[in-house]
Structures are given as structure tokens and as C-alpha cells.
């Protein structure tokens, strides 16, 4: 039964990065909702390829900032507020792009 120790090692390795960075469920949930909204816009044709690429780049930038803020093991109230502001702007951008006149045909 060599699988059990290997599985335990894999599980431990998967949890170490999470322990190094403080979790913020609200930020994580908003990022997941943004991704779902973008995917839905692609599926429905409401987002063009260019709009999708731009929105995806914006989401990557937010994740990059989030990793930077969490790199010291603490997410301060100011950093959390900055992330929330970035997420608010991204949410507005998603809405605007999905509701503009451009459509993928």
C-alpha cells in the first residue's frame, strides 16, 4: 500500500501554499463569480474574443495583486479594501462589456 503515503504527501503539498497565504473567502468568491460571468458571456455570445481577453487579463492582474498582498502572510484592511475596489471596477467592466452592442456571431 505505497499509495497511501504518496497520497498523503500530495495532500500535504497541496495544503502548504494555502497555509502560506491567508484566505479571504469573500475575495475568492467574487473572483469565482467574475469567472463564471465571463464564461457565461462567452457562451451566450455577449462577449467578443477581444473583450474576453481584456476581461481575463484584468482578472489575472487582480490575482497577481492579491498574491502580492498575501505574500507576507497578512492581508491588511487597506489591502482588502484595495482588492474590493479592484473587484468592483472589474465587475462593472464585465457588465459593460456584456451589455454593449458588440456581439460574437
C-alpha atoms as a PDB file:
ATOM      1  CA  UNK A   1       0.000   0.000   0.000  1.00  0.00           C
ATOM      2  CA  UNK A   2       2.504   2.603  -1.170  1.00  0.00           C
ATOM      3  CA  UNK A   3      -0.325   4.789  -2.470  1.00  0.00           C
ATOM      4  CA  UNK A   4      -1.384   5.987   0.959  1.00  0.00           C
ATOM      5  CA  UNK A   5       1.923   7.705   1.833  1.00  0.00           C
ATOM      6  CA  UNK A   6       2.163   9.174  -1.667  1.00  0.00           C
ATOM      7  CA  UNK A   7      -1.402  10.471  -1.449  1.00  0.00           C
ATOM      8  CA  UNK A   8      -0.702  11.946   1.997  1.00  0.00           C
ATOM      9  CA  UNK A   9       2.370  13.709   0.634  1.00  0.00           C
ATOM     10  CA  UNK A  10       0.381  15.069  -2.283  1.00  0.00           C
ATOM     11  CA  UNK A  11      -2.355  16.285   0.041  1.00  0.00           C
ATOM     12  CA  UNK A  12       0.195  17.958   2.308  1.00  0.00           C
ATOM     13  CA  UNK A  13       1.880  19.642  -0.653  1.00  0.00           C
ATOM     14  CA  UNK A  14      -1.474  20.960  -1.850  1.00  0.00           C
ATOM     15  CA  UNK A  15      -2.277  22.497   1.530  1.00  0.00           C
ATOM     16  CA  UNK A  16       1.086  24.167   2.165  1.00  0.00           C
ATOM     17  CA  UNK A  17       0.639  27.036  -0.300  1.00  0.00           C
ATOM     18  CA  UNK A  18      -2.803  27.730   1.129  1.00  0.00           C
ATOM     19  CA  UNK A  19      -1.361  27.902   4.634  1.00  0.00           C
ATOM     20  CA  UNK A  20       1.284  30.365   3.469  1.00  0.00           C
ATOM     21  CA  UNK A  21      -1.338  32.794   2.146  1.00  0.00           C
ATOM     22  CA  UNK A  22      -4.242  33.967   4.276  1.00  0.00           C
ATOM     23  CA  UNK A  23      -7.580  33.047   2.802  1.00  0.00           C
ATOM     24  CA  UNK A  24     -10.193  35.676   2.140  1.00  0.00           C
ATOM     25  CA  UNK A  25     -13.362  33.791   1.201  1.00  0.00           C
ATOM     26  CA  UNK A  26     -15.203  36.920   0.111  1.00  0.00           C
ATOM     27  CA  UNK A  27     -12.490  37.919  -2.364  1.00  0.00           C
ATOM     28  CA  UNK A  28     -12.188  34.338  -3.601  1.00  0.00           C
ATOM     29  CA  UNK A  29     -15.965  34.038  -4.063  1.00  0.00           C
ATOM     30  CA  UNK A  30     -16.117  37.296  -6.010  1.00  0.00           C
ATOM     31  CA  UNK A  31     -13.296  36.143  -8.276  1.00  0.00           C
ATOM     32  CA  UNK A  32     -15.130  32.868  -8.901  1.00  0.00           C
ATOM     33  CA  UNK A  33     -18.347  34.751  -9.735  1.00  0.00           C
ATOM     34  CA  UNK A  34     -16.445  37.020 -12.120  1.00  0.00           C
ATOM     35  CA  UNK A  35     -15.006  33.993 -13.912  1.00  0.00           C
ATOM     36  CA  UNK A  36     -18.475  32.448 -14.175  1.00  0.00           C
ATOM     37  CA  UNK A  37     -19.938  35.674 -15.563  1.00  0.00           C
ATOM     38  CA  UNK A  38     -17.198  35.907 -18.173  1.00  0.00           C
ATOM     39  CA  UNK A  39     -17.690  32.262 -19.155  1.00  0.00           C
ATOM     40  CA  UNK A  40     -21.450  32.818 -19.442  1.00  0.00           C
ATOM     41  CA  UNK A  41     -20.831  35.871 -21.642  1.00  0.00           C
ATOM     42  CA  UNK A  42     -18.607  33.822 -23.932  1.00  0.00           C
ATOM     43  CA  UNK A  43     -21.170  31.024 -24.078  1.00  0.00           C
ATOM     44  CA  UNK A  44     -24.049  33.362 -24.886  1.00  0.00           C
ATOM     45  CA  UNK A  45     -22.069  35.343 -27.440  1.00  0.00           C
ATOM     46  CA  UNK A  46     -22.361  38.575 -25.435  1.00  0.00           C
ATOM     47  CA  UNK A  47     -18.557  38.858 -25.277  1.00  0.00           C
ATOM     48  CA  UNK A  48     -16.257  39.052 -28.265  1.00  0.00           C
ATOM     49  CA  UNK A  49     -12.836  37.398 -28.228  1.00  0.00           C
ATOM     50  CA  UNK A  50     -11.140  40.752 -27.660  1.00  0.00           C
ATOM     51  CA  UNK A  51     -13.464  41.657 -24.784  1.00  0.00           C
ATOM     52  CA  UNK A  52     -12.929  38.237 -23.225  1.00  0.00           C
ATOM     53  CA  UNK A  53      -9.149  38.581 -23.461  1.00  0.00           C
ATOM     54  CA  UNK A  54      -9.262  42.036 -21.887  1.00  0.00           C
ATOM     55  CA  UNK A  55     -11.504  40.885 -19.019  1.00  0.00           C
ATOM     56  CA  UNK A  56      -9.343  37.793 -18.424  1.00  0.00           C
ATOM     57  CA  UNK A  57      -6.219  39.970 -18.266  1.00  0.00           C
ATOM     58  CA  UNK A  58      -7.952  42.188 -15.711  1.00  0.00           C
ATOM     59  CA  UNK A  59      -8.763  39.124 -13.580  1.00  0.00           C
ATOM     60  CA  UNK A  60      -5.142  37.924 -13.805  1.00  0.00           C
ATOM     61  CA  UNK A  61      -3.922  41.344 -12.679  1.00  0.00           C
ATOM     62  CA  UNK A  62      -6.234  41.228  -9.656  1.00  0.00           C
ATOM     63  CA  UNK A  63      -4.968  37.753  -8.739  1.00  0.00           C
ATOM     64  CA  UNK A  64      -1.380  38.977  -9.102  1.00  0.00           C
ATOM     65  CA  UNK A  65      -2.051  41.903  -6.737  1.00  0.00           C
ATOM     66  CA  UNK A  66      -3.814  39.568  -4.325  1.00  0.00           C
ATOM     67  CA  UNK A  67      -0.793  37.220  -4.256  1.00  0.00           C
ATOM     68  CA  UNK A  68       1.496  40.206  -3.653  1.00  0.00           C
ATOM     69  CA  UNK A  69      -0.637  41.439  -0.777  1.00  0.00           C
ATOM     70  CA  UNK A  70      -0.810  37.983   0.780  1.00  0.00           C
ATOM     71  CA  UNK A  71       2.907  37.259   0.319  1.00  0.00           C
ATOM     72  CA  UNK A  72       3.748  38.449   3.842  1.00  0.00           C
ATOM     73  CA  UNK A  73       1.062  36.220   5.369  1.00  0.00           C
ATOM     74  CA  UNK A  74      -1.239  39.115   6.299  1.00  0.00           C
ATOM     75  CA  UNK A  75      -3.992  40.810   4.350  1.00  0.00           C
ATOM     76  CA  UNK A  76      -4.403  44.224   5.963  1.00  0.00           C
ATOM     77  CA  UNK A  77      -7.700  46.123   5.934  1.00  0.00           C
ATOM     78  CA  UNK A  78      -6.224  48.619   3.464  1.00  0.00           C
ATOM     79  CA  UNK A  79      -5.097  45.819   1.135  1.00  0.00           C
ATOM     80  CA  UNK A  80      -8.512  44.142   1.401  1.00  0.00           C
ATOM     81  CA  UNK A  81     -10.224  47.457   0.589  1.00  0.00           C
ATOM     82  CA  UNK A  82      -7.942  47.928  -2.419  1.00  0.00           C
ATOM     83  CA  UNK A  83      -8.796  44.430  -3.671  1.00  0.00           C
ATOM     84  CA  UNK A  84     -12.501  45.142  -3.188  1.00  0.00           C
ATOM     85  CA  UNK A  85     -12.179  48.351  -5.203  1.00  0.00           C
ATOM     86  CA  UNK A  86     -10.392  46.472  -7.990  1.00  0.00           C
ATOM     87  CA  UNK A  87     -13.094  43.794  -7.943  1.00  0.00           C
ATOM     88  CA  UNK A  88     -15.828  46.460  -8.062  1.00  0.00           C
ATOM     89  CA  UNK A  89     -14.216  48.001 -11.145  1.00  0.00           C
ATOM     90  CA  UNK A  90     -13.807  44.590 -12.774  1.00  0.00           C
ATOM     91  CA  UNK A  91     -17.433  43.735 -12.067  1.00  0.00           C
ATOM     92  CA  UNK A  92     -18.532  46.956 -13.712  1.00  0.00           C
ATOM     93  CA  UNK A  93     -16.282  46.239 -16.703  1.00  0.00           C
ATOM     94  CA  UNK A  94     -17.809  42.770 -17.098  1.00  0.00           C
ATOM     95  CA  UNK A  95     -21.328  44.207 -17.005  1.00  0.00           C
ATOM     96  CA  UNK A  96     -20.494  46.926 -19.531  1.00  0.00           C
ATOM     97  CA  UNK A  97     -18.842  44.532 -21.968  1.00  0.00           C
ATOM     98  CA  UNK A  98     -21.688  42.022 -21.733  1.00  0.00           C
ATOM     99  CA  UNK A  99     -24.309  44.711 -22.329  1.00  0.00           C
ATOM    100  CA  UNK A 100     -22.703  46.713 -25.099  1.00  0.00           C
ATOM    101  CA  UNK A 101     -23.779  46.411 -28.722  1.00  0.00           C
ATOM    102  CA  UNK A 102     -20.866  44.161 -29.703  1.00  0.00           C
ATOM    103  CA  UNK A 103     -21.754  40.519 -30.210  1.00  0.00           C
ATOM    104  CA  UNK A 104     -19.878  37.457 -31.303  1.00  0.00           C
ATOM    105  CA  UNK A 105     -21.654  35.875 -34.254  1.00  0.00           C
END
